[in-house]
Amino acid sequence: MRPIIFSGTTEGRILSEYLSEKNIRHIVCVATEYGRLVMHPDQFADIREGRLDSDEMTRLITDEGSVVFDATHPYADVVSANIRRACENSGKEYIRIY
């Protein structure tokens, strides 16, 4: 089980870099190729590109997540709502990063 970061902001990239510096394996979900390009992949960051629907988020969080950080764009209300719901369905902690 690893932390999962749903990233779309500078804060998501910074959090991923911090976890990597602490040698913490984690998953970073980005929606686009550009999102992947701005990340700094390393041996601790498992970067995954592509949009996920609510069911896919729930499966990912249930199967692989320990805690979830929502670092998506502040105006991405639908995505944040889906992440929050997936955490509730999975029983995992949801932390919103602004």
PDB file of N, CA and C in Angstrom:
ATOM      1  N   MET A   1       0.846  -1.174   0.000  1.00  0.00           N
ATOM      2  CA  MET A   1       0.000   0.000   0.000  1.00  0.00           C
ATOM      3  C   MET A   1       0.896   1.242   0.000  1.00  0.00           C
ATOM      4  N   ARG A   2       0.538   2.176  -0.876  1.00  0.00           N
ATOM      5  CA  ARG A   2       1.357   3.377  -1.038  1.00  0.00           C
ATOM      6  C   ARG A   2       0.469   4.616  -1.062  1.00  0.00           C
ATOM      7  N   PRO A   3       1.036   5.770  -0.714  1.00  0.00           N
ATOM      8  CA  PRO A   3       0.300   7.011  -0.926  1.00  0.00           C
ATOM      9  C   PRO A   3       0.006   7.189  -2.410  1.00  0.00           C
ATOM     10  N   ILE A   4      -1.150   7.755  -2.703  1.00  0.00           N
ATOM     11  CA  ILE A   4      -1.519   8.075  -4.077  1.00  0.00           C
ATOM     12  C   ILE A   4      -1.734   9.580  -4.161  1.00  0.00           C
ATOM     13  N   ILE A   5      -1.118  10.187  -5.157  1.00  0.00           N
ATOM     14  CA  ILE A   5      -1.291  11.617  -5.410  1.00  0.00           C
ATOM     15  C   ILE A   5      -2.027  11.769  -6.731  1.00  0.00           C
ATOM     16  N   PHE A   6      -3.187  12.406  -6.697  1.00  0.00           N
ATOM     17  CA  PHE A   6      -3.844  12.807  -7.937  1.00  0.00           C
ATOM     18  C   PHE A   6      -3.343  14.217  -8.192  1.00  0.00           C
ATOM     19  N   SER A   7      -2.487  14.349  -9.212  1.00  0.00           N
ATOM     20  CA  SER A   7      -1.760  15.598  -9.408  1.00  0.00           C
ATOM     21  C   SER A   7      -2.248  16.341 -10.635  1.00  0.00           C
ATOM     22  N   GLY A   8      -2.142  17.628 -10.557  1.00  0.00           N
ATOM     23  CA  GLY A   8      -2.475  18.501 -11.676  1.00  0.00           C
ATOM     24  C   GLY A   8      -1.974  19.900 -11.372  1.00  0.00           C
ATOM     25  N   THR A   9      -1.184  19.994 -10.297  1.00  0.00           N
ATOM     26  CA  THR A   9      -0.688  21.297  -9.848  1.00  0.00           C
ATOM     27  C   THR A   9       0.779  21.168  -9.448  1.00  0.00           C
ATOM     28  N   THR A  10       1.395  22.297  -9.264  1.00  0.00           N
ATOM     29  CA  THR A  10       2.774  22.337  -8.771  1.00  0.00           C
ATOM     30  C   THR A  10       2.875  21.629  -7.425  1.00  0.00           C
ATOM     31  N   GLU A  11       1.850  21.790  -6.588  1.00  0.00           N
ATOM     32  CA  GLU A  11       1.866  21.164  -5.269  1.00  0.00           C
ATOM     33  C   GLU A  11       1.950  19.641  -5.357  1.00  0.00           C
ATOM     34  N   GLY A  12       1.298  19.071  -6.340  1.00  0.00           N
ATOM     35  CA  GLY A  12       1.369  17.622  -6.535  1.00  0.00           C
ATOM     36  C   GLY A  12       2.776  17.178  -6.890  1.00  0.00           C
ATOM     37  N   ARG A  13       3.427  17.931  -7.755  1.00  0.00           N
ATOM     38  CA  ARG A  13       4.811  17.618  -8.131  1.00  0.00           C
ATOM     39  C   ARG A  13       5.738  17.757  -6.928  1.00  0.00           C
ATOM     40  N   ILE A  14       5.565  18.826  -6.162  1.00  0.00           N
ATOM     41  CA  ILE A  14       6.407  19.059  -4.991  1.00  0.00           C
ATOM     42  C   ILE A  14       6.204  17.946  -3.956  1.00  0.00           C
ATOM     43  N   LEU A  15       4.959  17.535  -3.726  1.00  0.00           N
ATOM     44  CA  LEU A  15       4.688  16.451  -2.785  1.00  0.00           C
ATOM     45  C   LEU A  15       5.352  15.158  -3.247  1.00  0.00           C
ATOM     46  N   SER A  16       5.268  14.859  -4.531  1.00  0.00           N
ATOM     47  CA  SER A  16       5.912  13.665  -5.069  1.00  0.00           C
ATOM     48  C   SER A  16       7.423  13.728  -4.857  1.00  0.00           C
ATOM     49  N   GLU A  17       8.026  14.866  -5.132  1.00  0.00           N
ATOM     50  CA  GLU A  17       9.471  15.018  -4.938  1.00  0.00           C
ATOM     51  C   GLU A  17       9.836  14.824  -3.463  1.00  0.00           C
ATOM     52  N   TYR A  18       9.026  15.349  -2.565  1.00  0.00           N
ATOM     53  CA  TYR A  18       9.274  15.197  -1.125  1.00  0.00           C
ATOM     54  C   TYR A  18       9.225  13.723  -0.716  1.00  0.00           C
ATOM     55  N   LEU A  19       8.195  13.018  -1.163  1.00  0.00           N
ATOM     56  CA  LEU A  19       8.086  11.598  -0.827  1.00  0.00           C
ATOM     57  C   LEU A  19       9.277  10.818  -1.370  1.00  0.00           C
ATOM     58  N   SER A  20       9.703  11.158  -2.583  1.00  0.00           N
ATOM     59  CA  SER A  20      10.873  10.486  -3.166  1.00  0.00           C
ATOM     60  C   SER A  20      12.133  10.770  -2.358  1.00  0.00           C
ATOM     61  N   GLU A  21      12.294  12.005  -1.917  1.00  0.00           N
ATOM     62  CA  GLU A  21      13.462  12.353  -1.087  1.00  0.00           C
ATOM     63  C   GLU A  21      13.486  11.543   0.200  1.00  0.00           C
ATOM     64  N   LYS A  22      12.315  11.181   0.702  1.00  0.00           N
ATOM     65  CA  LYS A  22      12.199  10.396   1.932  1.00  0.00           C
ATOM     66  C   LYS A  22      12.181   8.887   1.644  1.00  0.00           C
ATOM     67  N   ASN A  23      12.431   8.527   0.374  1.00  0.00           N
ATOM     68  CA  ASN A  23      12.458   7.123  -0.060  1.00  0.00           C
ATOM     69  C   ASN A  23      11.127   6.410   0.169  1.00  0.00           C
ATOM     70  N   ILE A  24      10.035   7.151  -0.047  1.00  0.00           N
ATOM     71  CA  ILE A  24       8.695   6.592   0.103  1.00  0.00           C
ATOM     72  C   ILE A  24       8.127   6.301  -1.284  1.00  0.00           C
ATOM     73  N   ARG A  25       7.849   5.048  -1.556  1.00  0.00           N
ATOM     74  CA  ARG A  25       7.244   4.673  -2.834  1.00  0.00           C
ATOM     75  C   ARG A  25       5.813   5.186  -2.866  1.00  0.00           C
ATOM     76  N   HIS A  26       5.428   5.766  -3.995  1.00  0.00           N
ATOM     77  CA  HIS A  26       4.096   6.348  -4.122  1.00  0.00           C
ATOM     78  C   HIS A  26       3.655   6.321  -5.576  1.00  0.00           C
ATOM     79  N   ILE A  27       2.366   6.531  -5.770  1.00  0.00           N
ATOM     80  CA  ILE A  27       1.759   6.564  -7.105  1.00  0.00           C
ATOM     81  C   ILE A  27       1.320   7.995  -7.372  1.00  0.00           C
ATOM     82  N   VAL A  28       1.609   8.469  -8.578  1.00  0.00           N
ATOM     83  CA  VAL A  28       1.140   9.785  -9.003  1.00  0.00           C
ATOM     84  C   VAL A  28       0.270   9.588 -10.231  1.00  0.00           C
ATOM     85  N   CYS A  29      -0.973  10.022 -10.147  1.00  0.00           N
ATOM     86  CA  CYS A  29      -1.903   9.941 -11.270  1.00  0.00           C
ATOM     87  C   CYS A  29      -2.022  11.317 -11.908  1.00  0.00           C
ATOM     88  N   VAL A  30      -1.733  11.379 -13.195  1.00  0.00           N
ATOM     89  CA  VAL A  30      -1.895  12.611 -13.969  1.00  0.00           C
ATOM     90  C   VAL A  30      -2.820  12.316 -15.138  1.00  0.00           C
ATOM     91  N   ALA A  31      -3.575  13.304 -15.549  1.00  0.00           N
ATOM     92  CA  ALA A  31      -4.577  13.082 -16.590  1.00  0.00           C
ATOM     93  C   ALA A  31      -3.994  13.142 -17.996  1.00  0.00           C
ATOM     94  N   THR A  32      -2.922  13.902 -18.176  1.00  0.00           N
ATOM     95  CA  THR A  32      -2.449  14.187 -19.534  1.00  0.00           C
ATOM     96  C   THR A  32      -0.960  13.909 -19.701  1.00  0.00           C
ATOM     97  N   GLU A  33      -0.533  13.896 -20.957  1.00  0.00           N
ATOM     98  CA  GLU A  33       0.884  13.744 -21.271  1.00  0.00           C
ATOM     99  C   GLU A  33       1.684  14.905 -20.681  1.00  0.00           C
ATOM    100  N   TYR A  34       1.131  16.109 -20.757  1.00  0.00           N
ATOM    101  CA  TYR A  34       1.807  17.266 -20.172  1.00  0.00           C
ATOM    102  C   TYR A  34       2.007  17.062 -18.664  1.00  0.00           C
ATOM    103  N   GLY A  35       0.990  16.528 -18.004  1.00  0.00           N
ATOM    104  CA  GLY A  35       1.113  16.244 -16.577  1.00  0.00           C
ATOM    105  C   GLY A  35       2.263  15.308 -16.283  1.00  0.00           C
ATOM    106  N   ARG A  36       2.443  14.326 -17.136  1.00  0.00           N
ATOM    107  CA  ARG A  36       3.563  13.393 -16.983  1.00  0.00           C
ATOM    108  C   ARG A  36       4.898  14.104 -17.224  1.00  0.00           C
ATOM    109  N   LEU A  37       4.929  14.979 -18.216  1.00  0.00           N
ATOM    110  CA  LEU A  37       6.181  15.664 -18.560  1.00  0.00           C
ATOM    111  C   LEU A  37       6.695  16.562 -17.436  1.00  0.00           C
ATOM    112  N   VAL A  38       5.807  17.168 -16.659  1.00  0.00           N
ATOM    113  CA  VAL A  38       6.259  18.067 -15.598  1.00  0.00           C
ATOM    114  C   VAL A  38       6.656  17.323 -14.324  1.00  0.00           C
ATOM    115  N   MET A  39       6.342  16.042 -14.248  1.00  0.00           N
ATOM    116  CA  MET A  39       6.736  15.243 -13.090  1.00  0.00           C
ATOM    117  C   MET A  39       8.210  14.870 -13.209  1.00  0.00           C
ATOM    118  N   HIS A  40       8.788  14.511 -12.083  1.00  0.00           N
ATOM    119  CA  HIS A  40      10.184  14.085 -12.058  1.00  0.00           C
ATOM    120  C   HIS A  40      10.213  12.612 -11.671  1.00  0.00           C
ATOM    121  N   PRO A  41      10.137  11.730 -12.666  1.00  0.00           N
ATOM    122  CA  PRO A  41      10.078  10.300 -12.352  1.00  0.00           C
ATOM    123  C   PRO A  41      11.378   9.821 -11.710  1.00  0.00           C
ATOM    124  N   ASP A  42      11.262   8.887 -10.811  1.00  0.00           N
ATOM    125  CA  ASP A  42      12.411   8.265 -10.178  1.00  0.00           C
ATOM    126  C   ASP A  42      11.990   6.890  -9.677  1.00  0.00           C
ATOM    127  N   GLN A  43      12.859   6.226  -8.959  1.00  0.00           N
ATOM    128  CA  GLN A  43      12.582   4.862  -8.517  1.00  0.00           C
ATOM    129  C   GLN A  43      11.459   4.771  -7.491  1.00  0.00           C
ATOM    130  N   PHE A  44      11.064   5.905  -6.887  1.00  0.00           N
ATOM    131  CA  PHE A  44      10.026   5.889  -5.861  1.00  0.00           C
ATOM    132  C   PHE A  44       8.666   6.347  -6.382  1.00  0.00           C
ATOM    133  N   ALA A  45       8.653   7.069  -7.492  1.00  0.00           N
ATOM    134  CA  ALA A  45       7.413   7.632  -8.044  1.00  0.00           C
ATOM    135  C   ALA A  45       6.932   6.797  -9.225  1.00  0.00           C
ATOM    136  N   ASP A  46       5.792   6.179  -9.060  1.00  0.00           N
ATOM    137  CA  ASP A  46       5.138   5.413 -10.128  1.00  0.00           C
ATOM    138  C   ASP A  46       4.133   6.366 -10.784  1.00  0.00           C
ATOM    139  N   ILE A  47       4.513   6.963 -11.917  1.00  0.00           N
ATOM    140  CA  ILE A  47       3.683   7.966 -12.583  1.00  0.00           C
ATOM    141  C   ILE A  47       2.748   7.254 -13.565  1.00  0.00           C
ATOM    142  N   ARG A  48       1.451   7.529 -13.424  1.00  0.00           N
ATOM    143  CA  ARG A  48       0.448   6.903 -14.287  1.00  0.00           C
ATOM    144  C   ARG A  48      -0.355   7.985 -14.997  1.00  0.00           C
ATOM    145  N   GLU A  49      -0.389   7.883 -16.300  1.00  0.00           N
ATOM    146  CA  GLU A  49      -1.067   8.879 -17.125  1.00  0.00           C
ATOM    147  C   GLU A  49      -2.409   8.349 -17.610  1.00  0.00           C
ATOM    148  N   GLY A  50      -3.417   9.211 -17.580  1.00  0.00           N
ATOM    149  CA  GLY A  50      -4.733   8.866 -18.118  1.00  0.00           C
ATOM    150  C   GLY A  50      -5.839   9.216 -17.136  1.00  0.00           C
ATOM    151  N   ARG A  51      -6.950   9.603 -17.680  1.00  0.00           N
ATOM    152  CA  ARG A  51      -8.107   9.943 -16.844  1.00  0.00           C
ATOM    153  C   ARG A  51      -8.759   8.663 -16.320  1.00  0.00           C
ATOM    154  N   LEU A  52      -9.189   8.709 -15.070  1.00  0.00           N
ATOM    155  CA  LEU A  52      -9.864   7.573 -14.451  1.00  0.00           C
ATOM    156  C   LEU A  52     -11.292   7.974 -14.097  1.00  0.00           C
ATOM    157  N   ASP A  53     -12.231   7.058 -14.298  1.00  0.00           N
ATOM    158  CA  ASP A  53     -13.591   7.329 -13.832  1.00  0.00           C
ATOM    159  C   ASP A  53     -13.690   6.916 -12.364  1.00  0.00           C
ATOM    160  N   SER A  54     -14.835   7.124 -11.759  1.00  0.00           N
ATOM    161  CA  SER A  54     -15.009   6.838 -10.320  1.00  0.00           C
ATOM    162  C   SER A  54     -14.715   5.386  -9.974  1.00  0.00           C
ATOM    163  N   ASP A  55     -15.187   4.464 -10.792  1.00  0.00           N
ATOM    164  CA  ASP A  55     -14.955   3.044 -10.514  1.00  0.00           C
ATOM    165  C   ASP A  55     -13.473   2.697 -10.597  1.00  0.00           C
ATOM    166  N   GLU A  56     -12.778   3.241 -11.585  1.00  0.00           N
ATOM    167  CA  GLU A  56     -11.341   2.988 -11.723  1.00  0.00           C
ATOM    168  C   GLU A  56     -10.576   3.580 -10.533  1.00  0.00           C
ATOM    169  N   MET A  57     -10.978   4.770 -10.101  1.00  0.00           N
ATOM    170  CA  MET A  57     -10.345   5.386  -8.928  1.00  0.00           C
ATOM    171  C   MET A  57     -10.553   4.515  -7.699  1.00  0.00           C
ATOM    172  N   THR A  58     -11.779   4.041  -7.505  1.00  0.00           N
ATOM    173  CA  THR A  58     -12.083   3.209  -6.343  1.00  0.00           C
ATOM    174  C   THR A  58     -11.237   1.944  -6.348  1.00  0.00           C
ATOM    175  N   ARG A  59     -11.109   1.309  -7.499  1.00  0.00           N
ATOM    176  CA  ARG A  59     -10.287   0.084  -7.582  1.00  0.00           C
ATOM    177  C   ARG A  59      -8.829   0.383  -7.251  1.00  0.00           C
ATOM    178  N   LEU A  60      -8.286   1.456  -7.839  1.00  0.00           N
ATOM    179  CA  LEU A  60      -6.894   1.812  -7.589  1.00  0.00           C
ATOM    180  C   LEU A  60      -6.661   2.086  -6.105  1.00  0.00           C
ATOM    181  N   ILE A  61      -7.520   2.906  -5.528  1.00  0.00           N
ATOM    182  CA  ILE A  61      -7.356   3.288  -4.124  1.00  0.00           C
ATOM    183  C   ILE A  61      -7.521   2.078  -3.212  1.00  0.00           C
ATOM    184  N   THR A  62      -8.509   1.238  -3.484  1.00  0.00           N
ATOM    185  CA  THR A  62      -8.742   0.041  -2.674  1.00  0.00           C
ATOM    186  C   THR A  62      -7.570  -0.924  -2.761  1.00  0.00           C
ATOM    187  N   ASP A  63      -7.090  -1.153  -3.975  1.00  0.00           N
ATOM    188  CA  ASP A  63      -6.057  -2.159  -4.202  1.00  0.00           C
ATOM    189  C   ASP A  63      -4.648  -1.701  -3.833  1.00  0.00           C
ATOM    190  N   GLU A  64      -4.361  -0.398  -4.004  1.00  0.00           N
ATOM    191  CA  GLU A  64      -2.968   0.031  -3.881  1.00  0.00           C
ATOM    192  C   GLU A  64      -2.728   1.211  -2.949  1.00  0.00           C
ATOM    193  N   GLY A  65      -3.768   1.869  -2.477  1.00  0.00           N
ATOM    194  CA  GLY A  65      -3.579   3.111  -1.737  1.00  0.00           C
ATOM    195  C   GLY A  65      -3.576   2.958  -0.230  1.00  0.00           C
ATOM    196  N   SER A  66      -2.748   3.779   0.413  1.00  0.00           N
ATOM    197  CA  SER A  66      -2.758   3.859   1.868  1.00  0.00           C
ATOM    198  C   SER A  66      -3.425   5.158   2.316  1.00  0.00           C
ATOM    199  N   VAL A  67      -3.155   6.221   1.590  1.00  0.00           N
ATOM    200  CA  VAL A  67      -3.753   7.533   1.822  1.00  0.00           C
ATOM    201  C   VAL A  67      -3.787   8.221   0.461  1.00  0.00           C
ATOM    202  N   VAL A  68      -4.734   9.137   0.283  1.00  0.00           N
ATOM    203  CA  VAL A  68      -4.885   9.790  -1.025  1.00  0.00           C
ATOM    204  C   VAL A  68      -4.761  11.301  -0.862  1.00  0.00           C
ATOM    205  N   PHE A  69      -3.893  11.880  -1.687  1.00  0.00           N
ATOM    206  CA  PHE A  69      -3.718  13.324  -1.740  1.00  0.00           C
ATOM    207  C   PHE A  69      -4.332  13.833  -3.041  1.00  0.00           C
ATOM    208  N   ASP A  70      -5.272  14.738  -2.925  1.00  0.00           N
ATOM    209  CA  ASP A  70      -5.915  15.355  -4.083  1.00  0.00           C
ATOM    210  C   ASP A  70      -5.220  16.692  -4.337  1.00  0.00           C
ATOM    211  N   ALA A  71      -4.317  16.696  -5.304  1.00  0.00           N
ATOM    212  CA  ALA A  71      -3.590  17.911  -5.685  1.00  0.00           C
ATOM    213  C   ALA A  71      -3.975  18.309  -7.102  1.00  0.00           C
ATOM    214  N   THR A  72      -5.245  18.095  -7.424  1.00  0.00           N
ATOM    215  CA  THR A  72      -5.739  18.488  -8.739  1.00  0.00           C
ATOM    216  C   THR A  72      -6.013  19.985  -8.738  1.00  0.00           C
ATOM    217  N   HIS A  73      -6.276  20.511  -9.914  1.00  0.00           N
ATOM    218  CA  HIS A  73      -6.537  21.939 -10.064  1.00  0.00           C
ATOM    219  C   HIS A  73      -7.718  22.357  -9.188  1.00  0.00           C
ATOM    220  N   PRO A  74      -7.636  23.528  -8.552  1.00  0.00           N
ATOM    221  CA  PRO A  74      -8.721  23.965  -7.662  1.00  0.00           C
ATOM    222  C   PRO A  74     -10.104  24.036  -8.313  1.00  0.00           C
ATOM    223  N   TYR A  75     -10.145  24.200  -9.629  1.00  0.00           N
ATOM    224  CA  TYR A  75     -11.437  24.287 -10.312  1.00  0.00           C
ATOM    225  C   TYR A  75     -11.911  22.954 -10.867  1.00  0.00           C
ATOM    226  N   ALA A  76     -11.177  21.895 -10.583  1.00  0.00           N
ATOM    227  CA  ALA A  76     -11.546  20.561 -11.067  1.00  0.00           C
ATOM    228  C   ALA A  76     -12.506  19.910 -10.078  1.00  0.00           C
ATOM    229  N   ASP A  77     -13.649  20.556  -9.885  1.00  0.00           N
ATOM    230  CA  ASP A  77     -14.620  20.118  -8.872  1.00  0.00           C
ATOM    231  C   ASP A  77     -15.108  18.690  -9.088  1.00  0.00           C
ATOM    232  N   VAL A  78     -15.373  18.322 -10.320  1.00  0.00           N
ATOM    233  CA  VAL A  78     -15.901  16.983 -10.608  1.00  0.00           C
ATOM    234  C   VAL A  78     -14.853  15.924 -10.267  1.00  0.00           C
ATOM    235  N   VAL A  79     -13.612  16.185 -10.638  1.00  0.00           N
ATOM    236  CA  VAL A  79     -12.545  15.221 -10.355  1.00  0.00           C
ATOM    237  C   VAL A  79     -12.366  15.073  -8.845  1.00  0.00           C
ATOM    238  N   SER A  80     -12.325  16.193  -8.131  1.00  0.00           N
ATOM    239  CA  SER A  80     -12.172  16.131  -6.672  1.00  0.00           C
ATOM    240  C   SER A  80     -13.331  15.385  -6.026  1.00  0.00           C
ATOM    241  N   ALA A  81     -14.537  15.607  -6.506  1.00  0.00           N
ATOM    242  CA  ALA A  81     -15.698  14.897  -5.967  1.00  0.00           C
ATOM    243  C   ALA A  81     -15.560  13.389  -6.213  1.00  0.00           C
ATOM    244  N   ASN A  82     -15.087  13.011  -7.393  1.00  0.00           N
ATOM    245  CA  ASN A  82     -14.888  11.588  -7.701  1.00  0.00           C
ATOM    246  C   ASN A  82     -13.815  10.974  -6.811  1.00  0.00           C
ATOM    247  N   ILE A  83     -12.724  11.702  -6.586  1.00  0.00           N
ATOM    248  CA  ILE A  83     -11.650  11.194  -5.723  1.00  0.00           C
ATOM    249  C   ILE A  83     -12.172  11.029  -4.296  1.00  0.00           C
ATOM    250  N   ARG A  84     -12.876  12.029  -3.808  1.00  0.00           N
ATOM    251  CA  ARG A  84     -13.430  11.992  -2.450  1.00  0.00           C
ATOM    252  C   ARG A  84     -14.374  10.798  -2.288  1.00  0.00           C
ATOM    253  N   ARG A  85     -15.247  10.584  -3.264  1.00  0.00           N
ATOM    254  CA  ARG A  85     -16.198   9.468  -3.224  1.00  0.00           C
ATOM    255  C   ARG A  85     -15.458   8.130  -3.266  1.00  0.00           C
ATOM    256  N   ALA A  86     -14.428   8.048  -4.102  1.00  0.00           N
ATOM    257  CA  ALA A  86     -13.649   6.804  -4.187  1.00  0.00           C
ATOM    258  C   ALA A  86     -12.960   6.503  -2.857  1.00  0.00           C
ATOM    259  N   CYS A  87     -12.491   7.541  -2.173  1.00  0.00           N
ATOM    260  CA  CYS A  87     -11.878   7.343  -0.853  1.00  0.00           C
ATOM    261  C   CYS A  87     -12.921   6.867   0.156  1.00  0.00           C
ATOM    262  N   GLU A  88     -14.094   7.458   0.126  1.00  0.00           N
ATOM    263  CA  GLU A  88     -15.168   7.028   1.027  1.00  0.00           C
ATOM    264  C   GLU A  88     -15.519   5.566   0.765  1.00  0.00           C
ATOM    265  N   ASN A  89     -15.629   5.194  -0.508  1.00  0.00           N
ATOM    266  CA  ASN A  89     -15.958   3.809  -0.875  1.00  0.00           C
ATOM    267  C   ASN A  89     -14.863   2.830  -0.471  1.00  0.00           C
ATOM    268  N   SER A  90     -13.623   3.313  -0.439  1.00  0.00           N
ATOM    269  CA  SER A  90     -12.475   2.458  -0.125  1.00  0.00           C
ATOM    270  C   SER A  90     -12.097   2.489   1.346  1.00  0.00           C
ATOM    271  N   GLY A  91     -12.658   3.444   2.072  1.00  0.00           N
ATOM    272  CA  GLY A  91     -12.296   3.588   3.473  1.00  0.00           C
ATOM    273  C   GLY A  91     -10.901   4.156   3.678  1.00  0.00           C
ATOM    274  N   LYS A  92     -10.400   4.905   2.701  1.00  0.00           N
ATOM    275  CA  LYS A  92      -9.057   5.480   2.788  1.00  0.00           C
ATOM    276  C   LYS A  92      -9.142   6.972   3.064  1.00  0.00           C
ATOM    277  N   GLU A  93      -8.116   7.481   3.721  1.00  0.00           N
ATOM    278  CA  GLU A  93      -8.073   8.897   4.082  1.00  0.00           C
ATOM    279  C   GLU A  93      -7.883   9.770   2.843  1.00  0.00           C
ATOM    280  N   TYR A  94      -8.644  10.844   2.787  1.00  0.00           N
ATOM    281  CA  TYR A  94      -8.611  11.814   1.692  1.00  0.00           C
ATOM    282  C   TYR A  94      -8.047  13.125   2.230  1.00  0.00           C
ATOM    283  N   ILE A  95      -7.006  13.631   1.576  1.00  0.00           N
ATOM    284  CA  ILE A  95      -6.411  14.910   1.966  1.00  0.00           C
ATOM    285  C   ILE A  95      -6.371  15.813   0.743  1.00  0.00           C
ATOM    286  N   ARG A  96      -7.012  16.974   0.858  1.00  0.00           N
ATOM    287  CA  ARG A  96      -7.035  17.946  -0.249  1.00  0.00           C
ATOM    288  C   ARG A  96      -5.847  18.879  -0.093  1.00  0.00           C
ATOM    289  N   ILE A  97      -5.072  19.043  -1.152  1.00  0.00           N
ATOM    290  CA  ILE A  97      -3.923  19.940  -1.184  1.00  0.00           C
ATOM    291  C   ILE A  97      -4.278  21.126  -2.069  1.00  0.00           C
ATOM    292  N   TYR A  98      -4.121  22.324  -1.540  1.00  0.00           N
ATOM    293  CA  TYR A  98      -4.386  23.549  -2.328  1.00  0.00           C
ATOM    294  C   TYR A  98      -3.108  24.267  -2.628  1.00  0.00           C
TER     295      TYR A  98
END
